[in-house]
Amino acid sequence: MYRKKIFIIIILLGVGFGLFFVLRFYQIFFWDNTSFENKYSYIFIDSEDNIDSLAIKLDPILKSTSNFLAVAKKKGYSKSIRIGKYRIEKGMSNNDIINALWSQRLTSNVVFNNQERLQDLANRISLQIEADSLELITAFQDSTFLTQNGFTLENALSMYLPNSYNAFWDTTPEEFRNLMLKSYKRFWNKDRMKKVKKLGLTPNEVYILASIVYKETIKKDEQSIIAGLYLNRLRKRMKLQADPTVIYAKKKESNNFDLIIKRVLYKDLLLKSKYNTYRYRGLPPGPICMPDLSTIDSVLNPKLHTYLYFVASPLKPGYHLFAKNLREHKKNKKIYTQWLDKQNLYR
């Protein structure tokens, strides 16, 4: 009888321990291990990450990092970490999380616009994919790549069209550069190329002119007018005399693109720079910024008129006063300079 009781107790203890381990196993593998309130959270795994550094990244969003590590080791994930961007949904178990980190790599939504230089673009992109700005600028400025694809170091920015792109977190600088080249070729389709040829320009020259137009006005309804005006000047072999190119030249000369220039002075017009369109005829060697796609299309679809001159309108901020000849322009300019003097804008 005594032995029977001992046997029953042993069995009950065995069952108890068994149930405990089954429950513990189920808890570690299949219970919710997320600790955030939103519907999901993102994790970025870099090429230098290991299971320990990943655990540090996951710690703020998990209830138990140790449980995650236990499951990762059991499933073999700790030895096969995969680089990328991943989404962890609220309520996921450790098993779900590891399965997601194994097979549900996401793309990043890479967005950029209005950059003035390749360096600025590289800095912007480095915030959205794993590659750092130095790696990116090296790829962007690669002379072999540029020559093979019809670009120079000065006009290389023309290849990058502001938009939203899908790229994996671990996209290499070369892969990103090639993605941009494919986008460039798609943009310059047959329809646009017909318009380019009609203007007597190249796609890169259209981009350069669009960058000047973009800097001249943010008013979409005026961009095609200004584009038509500059095209008129180019046809007549007149200097463009665009203030934004002088501002760019001054920034480039000082190597300070954070420089704030409120007003172009007469002495600035003497600056010896190919970007100074008051001194040199034709388009500058490269774009002075990254124009919107709509601005590029404004150059491709310019308003037909006979305007040759324009100046900012003090009565209608953001817009301009246009003139067909120098006499009209001098009148408009006098209105503008008198207003500038009243505002004390000397730089």
Protein backbone atom coordinates (compact mmCIF):
# COMPACT_ATOMS: atom_id res chain seq x y z
CA MET A 1 0.00 0.00 0.00
CA TYR A 2 2.82 2.34 0.96
CA ARG A 3 4.67 1.55 -2.25
CA LYS A 4 1.53 2.22 -4.25
CA LYS A 5 1.20 5.69 -2.72
CA ILE A 6 4.85 6.43 -3.47
CA PHE A 7 4.33 5.29 -7.04
CA ILE A 8 1.26 7.51 -7.46
CA ILE A 9 3.10 10.50 -5.99
CA ILE A 10 6.00 9.92 -8.39
CA ILE A 11 3.59 9.71 -11.31
CA LEU A 12 1.80 12.89 -10.23
CA LEU A 13 5.11 14.68 -9.79
CA GLY A 14 6.20 13.47 -13.21
CA VAL A 15 2.96 14.65 -14.77
CA GLY A 16 3.28 17.95 -12.92
CA PHE A 17 6.82 18.50 -14.09
CA GLY A 18 5.81 17.43 -17.59
CA LEU A 19 2.93 19.86 -17.65
CA PHE A 20 5.22 22.58 -16.31
CA PHE A 21 7.80 22.03 -19.03
CA VAL A 22 5.12 21.78 -21.73
CA LEU A 23 3.54 25.00 -20.49
CA ARG A 24 6.94 26.66 -20.23
CA PHE A 25 7.84 25.52 -23.73
CA TYR A 26 4.52 26.80 -25.06
CA GLN A 27 4.97 30.12 -23.21
CA ILE A 28 8.48 30.69 -24.55
CA PHE A 29 7.67 29.69 -28.13
CA PHE A 30 4.05 30.69 -28.67
CA TRP A 31 2.91 33.36 -26.20
CA ASP A 32 2.86 37.04 -27.06
CA ASN A 33 6.33 38.51 -26.42
CA THR A 34 5.79 42.06 -27.71
CA SER A 35 5.66 45.08 -25.41
CA PHE A 36 4.70 48.01 -27.64
CA GLU A 37 1.32 49.69 -28.07
CA ASN A 38 1.31 50.33 -31.83
CA LYS A 39 0.13 47.75 -34.34
CA TYR A 40 3.70 47.02 -35.39
CA SER A 41 7.32 48.07 -34.97
CA TYR A 42 10.25 47.98 -37.41
CA ILE A 43 13.68 46.43 -36.88
CA PHE A 44 16.72 47.12 -39.06
CA ILE A 45 19.39 44.42 -39.07
CA ASP A 46 22.79 45.56 -40.34
CA SER A 47 25.58 43.51 -41.88
CA GLU A 48 27.64 43.86 -38.69
CA ASP A 49 24.88 42.66 -36.36
CA ASN A 50 25.09 39.39 -34.44
CA ILE A 51 22.56 37.76 -32.14
CA ASP A 52 23.72 39.84 -29.17
CA SER A 53 23.48 43.22 -30.93
CA LEU A 54 20.12 42.19 -32.38
CA ALA A 55 18.89 41.37 -28.89
CA ILE A 56 19.85 44.91 -27.81
CA LYS A 57 17.82 46.35 -30.70
CA LEU A 58 14.84 44.15 -29.84
CA ASP A 59 14.96 44.75 -26.09
CA PRO A 60 12.74 47.90 -26.10
CA ILE A 61 9.93 46.09 -27.93
CA LEU A 62 10.04 42.65 -26.26
CA LYS A 63 8.71 41.48 -22.92
CA SER A 64 11.56 38.99 -22.54
CA THR A 65 14.77 39.19 -24.55
CA SER A 66 16.10 36.05 -22.83
CA ASN A 67 13.11 34.03 -24.07
CA PHE A 68 13.70 35.32 -27.58
CA LEU A 69 17.36 34.30 -27.41
CA ALA A 70 16.41 30.83 -26.16
CA VAL A 71 14.07 30.26 -29.11
CA ALA A 72 16.57 31.79 -31.56
CA LYS A 73 19.20 29.31 -30.39
CA LYS A 74 16.78 26.39 -30.48
CA LYS A 75 15.65 27.16 -34.03
CA GLY A 76 19.18 27.87 -35.26
CA TYR A 77 18.43 31.52 -36.08
CA SER A 78 21.30 32.82 -33.95
CA LYS A 79 23.71 31.32 -36.50
CA SER A 80 21.88 32.53 -39.61
CA ILE A 81 20.86 36.16 -39.03
CA ARG A 82 19.61 37.86 -42.18
CA ILE A 83 20.27 41.51 -42.95
CA GLY A 84 17.32 43.75 -43.75
CA LYS A 85 14.28 45.65 -42.58
CA TYR A 86 11.56 43.66 -40.80
CA ARG A 87 8.17 44.36 -39.27
CA ILE A 88 7.27 42.97 -35.86
CA GLU A 89 3.50 42.97 -35.29
CA LYS A 90 1.89 43.43 -31.89
CA GLY A 91 1.01 40.08 -30.32
CA MET A 92 3.71 38.08 -32.11
CA SER A 93 5.29 35.14 -30.29
CA ASN A 94 9.03 34.42 -30.37
CA ASN A 95 8.34 31.74 -32.97
CA ASP A 96 6.44 34.26 -35.13
CA ILE A 97 9.16 36.90 -34.71
CA ILE A 98 11.95 34.56 -35.78
CA ASN A 99 9.92 33.32 -38.75
CA ALA A 100 9.38 36.95 -39.76
CA LEU A 101 13.09 37.73 -39.38
CA TRP A 102 13.86 34.72 -41.54
CA SER A 103 11.45 35.18 -44.40
CA GLN A 104 9.67 38.56 -44.40
CA ARG A 105 12.34 41.05 -45.42
CA LEU A 106 10.78 44.39 -46.36
CA THR A 107 11.83 47.16 -48.70
CA SER A 108 12.47 50.68 -47.45
CA ASN A 109 10.61 53.61 -48.95
CA VAL A 110 13.52 55.79 -50.10
CA VAL A 111 12.47 59.39 -50.73
CA PHE A 112 14.57 62.38 -51.80
CA ASN A 113 14.08 65.75 -53.50
CA ASN A 114 15.54 69.24 -53.86
CA GLN A 115 19.16 68.25 -53.15
CA GLU A 116 21.77 70.71 -54.45
CA ARG A 117 24.73 68.33 -54.77
CA LEU A 118 25.59 64.65 -54.95
CA GLN A 119 27.03 64.97 -51.44
CA ASP A 120 23.66 66.17 -50.14
CA LEU A 121 21.93 63.31 -51.92
CA ALA A 122 24.35 60.77 -50.43
CA ASN A 123 23.69 62.13 -46.94
CA ARG A 124 19.94 61.93 -47.50
CA ILE A 125 20.03 58.35 -48.82
CA SER A 126 22.33 57.17 -46.02
CA LEU A 127 19.51 57.89 -43.57
CA GLN A 128 17.23 55.47 -45.42
CA ILE A 129 19.40 52.46 -46.27
CA GLU A 130 22.32 50.77 -44.51
CA ALA A 131 25.09 52.22 -46.72
CA ASP A 132 26.84 55.28 -45.31
CA SER A 133 27.26 58.59 -47.12
CA LEU A 134 30.95 58.01 -47.96
CA GLU A 135 30.19 54.69 -49.65
CA LEU A 136 27.32 56.27 -51.56
CA ILE A 137 29.22 59.34 -52.79
CA THR A 138 32.08 57.10 -53.92
CA ALA A 139 29.66 55.08 -56.04
CA PHE A 140 27.89 58.20 -57.34
CA GLN A 141 31.19 59.76 -58.47
CA ASP A 142 32.72 56.63 -60.00
CA SER A 143 34.33 57.91 -63.21
CA THR A 144 33.99 54.64 -65.12
CA PHE A 145 30.27 54.40 -64.40
CA LEU A 146 29.70 58.06 -65.31
CA THR A 147 31.60 57.82 -68.61
CA GLN A 148 29.88 54.59 -69.64
CA ASN A 149 26.46 56.17 -69.11
CA GLY A 150 27.06 59.60 -70.64
CA PHE A 151 27.54 61.67 -67.50
CA THR A 152 30.27 63.87 -66.10
CA LEU A 153 31.09 64.64 -62.49
CA GLU A 154 29.46 68.06 -62.97
CA ASN A 155 26.12 66.79 -64.35
CA ALA A 156 25.94 63.44 -62.50
CA LEU A 157 23.09 64.74 -60.34
CA SER A 158 20.95 64.76 -63.51
CA MET A 159 20.63 60.97 -63.25
CA TYR A 160 18.73 61.20 -59.95
CA LEU A 161 15.05 61.95 -60.31
CA PRO A 162 13.21 62.99 -57.13
CA ASN A 163 10.62 60.40 -56.26
CA SER A 164 9.80 57.57 -53.88
CA TYR A 165 11.64 54.30 -54.50
CA ASN A 166 11.51 50.83 -52.95
CA ALA A 167 14.90 49.46 -51.92
CA PHE A 168 16.00 46.81 -49.46
CA TRP A 169 17.73 48.05 -46.31
CA ASP A 170 20.97 46.29 -47.33
CA THR A 171 20.95 47.65 -50.89
CA THR A 172 24.57 48.39 -51.82
CA PRO A 173 25.60 51.83 -53.15
CA GLU A 174 26.17 50.28 -56.57
CA GLU A 175 22.76 48.61 -56.55
CA PHE A 176 21.08 51.86 -55.54
CA ARG A 177 22.97 53.77 -58.25
CA ASN A 178 21.86 51.19 -60.84
CA LEU A 179 18.26 51.47 -59.63
CA MET A 180 18.45 55.23 -60.24
CA LEU A 181 19.88 54.68 -63.73
CA LYS A 182 16.95 52.38 -64.61
CA SER A 183 14.51 55.00 -63.33
CA TYR A 184 16.31 57.66 -65.39
CA LYS A 185 15.99 55.58 -68.57
CA ARG A 186 12.30 54.92 -67.91
CA PHE A 187 11.63 58.61 -67.37
CA TRP A 188 13.25 59.63 -70.64
CA ASN A 189 10.80 57.68 -72.75
CA LYS A 190 10.07 58.14 -76.46
CA ASP A 191 7.55 60.91 -75.87
CA ARG A 192 9.90 62.98 -73.74
CA MET A 193 12.85 62.32 -76.02
CA LYS A 194 10.87 63.75 -78.96
CA LYS A 195 10.34 66.93 -76.99
CA VAL A 196 14.02 67.02 -76.00
CA LYS A 197 15.11 66.84 -79.63
CA LYS A 198 12.59 69.50 -80.60
CA LEU A 199 14.21 71.85 -78.06
CA GLY A 200 17.66 71.08 -79.45
CA LEU A 201 18.90 69.94 -76.06
CA THR A 202 19.92 66.70 -74.34
CA PRO A 203 18.10 65.15 -71.37
CA ASN A 204 20.89 66.32 -69.06
CA GLU A 205 20.64 69.85 -70.43
CA VAL A 206 16.88 69.84 -69.88
CA TYR A 207 17.53 68.78 -66.27
CA ILE A 208 20.07 71.60 -65.84
CA LEU A 209 17.67 74.18 -67.23
CA ALA A 210 14.88 72.78 -65.05
CA SER A 211 17.10 73.21 -61.99
CA ILE A 212 17.44 76.92 -62.81
CA VAL A 213 13.71 77.31 -63.42
CA TYR A 214 12.98 75.51 -60.14
CA LYS A 215 15.23 77.90 -58.24
CA GLU A 216 13.65 80.91 -59.96
CA THR A 217 10.09 80.12 -58.91
CA ILE A 218 8.09 77.65 -56.87
CA LYS A 219 4.91 78.72 -58.66
CA LYS A 220 3.98 75.82 -60.90
CA ASP A 221 1.82 77.97 -63.15
CA GLU A 222 4.79 80.23 -63.91
CA GLN A 223 7.51 77.66 -64.49
CA SER A 224 6.62 76.97 -68.12
CA ILE A 225 6.71 80.74 -68.79
CA ILE A 226 10.20 81.09 -67.33
CA ALA A 227 11.31 77.94 -69.16
CA GLY A 228 10.10 79.49 -72.43
CA LEU A 229 11.95 82.70 -71.62
CA TYR A 230 15.27 80.96 -71.03
CA LEU A 231 14.82 78.90 -74.18
CA ASN A 232 14.26 82.16 -76.10
CA ARG A 233 17.55 83.48 -74.74
CA LEU A 234 19.40 80.29 -75.63
CA ARG A 235 18.11 80.44 -79.21
CA LYS A 236 19.26 84.05 -79.52
CA ARG A 237 22.63 83.10 -77.97
CA MET A 238 22.01 85.53 -75.15
CA LYS A 239 23.48 84.89 -71.72
CA LEU A 240 20.90 83.40 -69.36
CA GLN A 241 21.79 85.87 -66.59
CA ALA A 242 20.08 83.74 -63.95
CA ASP A 243 20.61 84.89 -60.37
CA PRO A 244 20.30 81.36 -58.90
CA THR A 245 23.36 80.26 -60.89
CA VAL A 246 25.38 83.11 -59.34
CA ILE A 247 24.23 82.09 -55.87
CA TYR A 248 25.28 78.50 -56.60
CA ALA A 249 28.66 79.72 -57.91
CA LYS A 250 29.23 81.71 -54.71
CA LYS A 251 28.36 78.71 -52.54
CA LYS A 252 30.62 76.47 -54.59
CA GLU A 253 33.52 78.95 -54.44
CA SER A 254 33.21 79.25 -50.66
CA ASN A 255 32.59 75.51 -50.30
CA ASN A 256 29.71 76.43 -48.02
CA PHE A 257 26.32 75.33 -49.29
CA ASP A 258 24.69 76.44 -46.04
CA LEU A 259 25.52 80.02 -46.98
CA ILE A 260 22.42 82.24 -47.03
CA ILE A 261 22.48 84.84 -49.81
CA LYS A 262 19.48 87.16 -49.82
CA ARG A 263 20.55 89.39 -52.67
CA VAL A 264 22.92 89.08 -55.65
CA LEU A 265 25.20 92.11 -55.82
CA TYR A 266 26.78 93.58 -58.94
CA LYS A 267 30.25 92.46 -57.82
CA ASP A 268 28.94 88.87 -57.66
CA LEU A 269 28.24 88.99 -61.39
CA LEU A 270 32.00 89.16 -62.05
CA LEU A 271 32.68 85.83 -60.36
CA LYS A 272 34.81 83.58 -62.57
CA SER A 273 32.79 80.40 -62.50
CA LYS A 274 31.24 78.35 -65.28
CA TYR A 275 28.08 78.41 -63.15
CA ASN A 276 27.90 82.21 -63.45
CA THR A 277 25.52 82.68 -66.36
CA TYR A 278 26.05 86.44 -66.26
CA ARG A 279 29.66 85.89 -67.30
CA TYR A 280 29.39 82.80 -69.52
CA ARG A 281 26.96 82.08 -72.34
CA GLY A 282 24.83 78.94 -72.38
CA LEU A 283 23.92 76.48 -69.67
CA PRO A 284 26.20 75.82 -66.69
CA PRO A 285 28.10 72.49 -66.69
CA GLY A 286 25.70 70.89 -64.23
CA PRO A 287 22.43 71.37 -62.38
CA ILE A 288 22.31 73.81 -59.47
CA CYS A 289 19.77 71.67 -57.63
CA MET A 290 17.45 68.72 -58.08
CA PRO A 291 14.25 70.02 -59.74
CA ASP A 292 10.82 68.48 -59.35
CA LEU A 293 9.66 66.16 -62.11
CA SER A 294 6.90 68.64 -62.88
CA THR A 295 9.52 71.34 -63.44
CA ILE A 296 11.37 69.11 -65.91
CA ASP A 297 8.08 68.66 -67.77
CA SER A 298 7.60 72.44 -67.71
CA VAL A 299 10.85 72.79 -69.64
CA LEU A 300 9.73 70.09 -72.05
CA ASN A 301 6.41 71.88 -72.52
CA PRO A 302 7.35 75.59 -72.40
CA LYS A 303 4.92 78.45 -72.96
CA LEU A 304 5.42 80.00 -76.36
CA HIS A 305 5.99 83.75 -76.06
CA THR A 306 8.58 86.43 -76.87
CA TYR A 307 9.68 87.34 -73.35
CA LEU A 308 13.41 87.78 -72.83
CA TYR A 309 13.61 89.40 -69.39
CA PHE A 310 11.97 89.04 -66.00
CA VAL A 311 12.33 90.25 -62.45
CA ALA A 312 10.59 89.38 -59.18
CA SER A 313 7.29 91.11 -58.58
CA PRO A 314 7.10 92.96 -55.23
CA LEU A 315 3.34 93.28 -55.61
CA LYS A 316 2.71 89.56 -56.10
CA PRO A 317 5.15 87.55 -53.96
CA GLY A 318 6.55 84.48 -55.67
CA TYR A 319 5.67 85.74 -59.15
CA HIS A 320 7.55 87.84 -61.71
CA LEU A 321 7.24 90.77 -64.06
CA PHE A 322 8.06 89.84 -67.66
CA ALA A 323 9.37 91.99 -70.52
CA LYS A 324 9.93 91.52 -74.24
CA ASN A 325 12.70 94.10 -74.51
CA LEU A 326 15.30 95.87 -72.40
CA ARG A 327 13.30 99.09 -72.13
CA GLU A 328 10.35 97.30 -70.51
CA HIS A 329 12.70 95.31 -68.32
CA LYS A 330 14.40 98.42 -66.95
CA LYS A 331 11.04 99.76 -65.81
CA ASN A 332 10.20 96.49 -64.08
CA LYS A 333 13.64 96.26 -62.53
CA LYS A 334 13.38 99.75 -61.10
CA ILE A 335 10.17 98.77 -59.33
CA TYR A 336 11.89 95.71 -57.87
CA THR A 337 15.15 97.38 -56.77
CA GLN A 338 13.28 100.21 -55.06
CA TRP A 339 11.33 97.61 -53.09
CA LEU A 340 14.56 95.75 -52.22
CA ASP A 341 16.17 98.92 -50.91
CA LYS A 342 13.20 99.50 -48.62
CA GLN A 343 13.63 95.98 -47.24
CA ASN A 344 17.38 96.54 -46.59
CA LEU A 345 18.28 93.30 -48.38
CA TYR A 346 21.94 93.74 -49.17
CA ARG A 347 23.05 90.10 -48.82
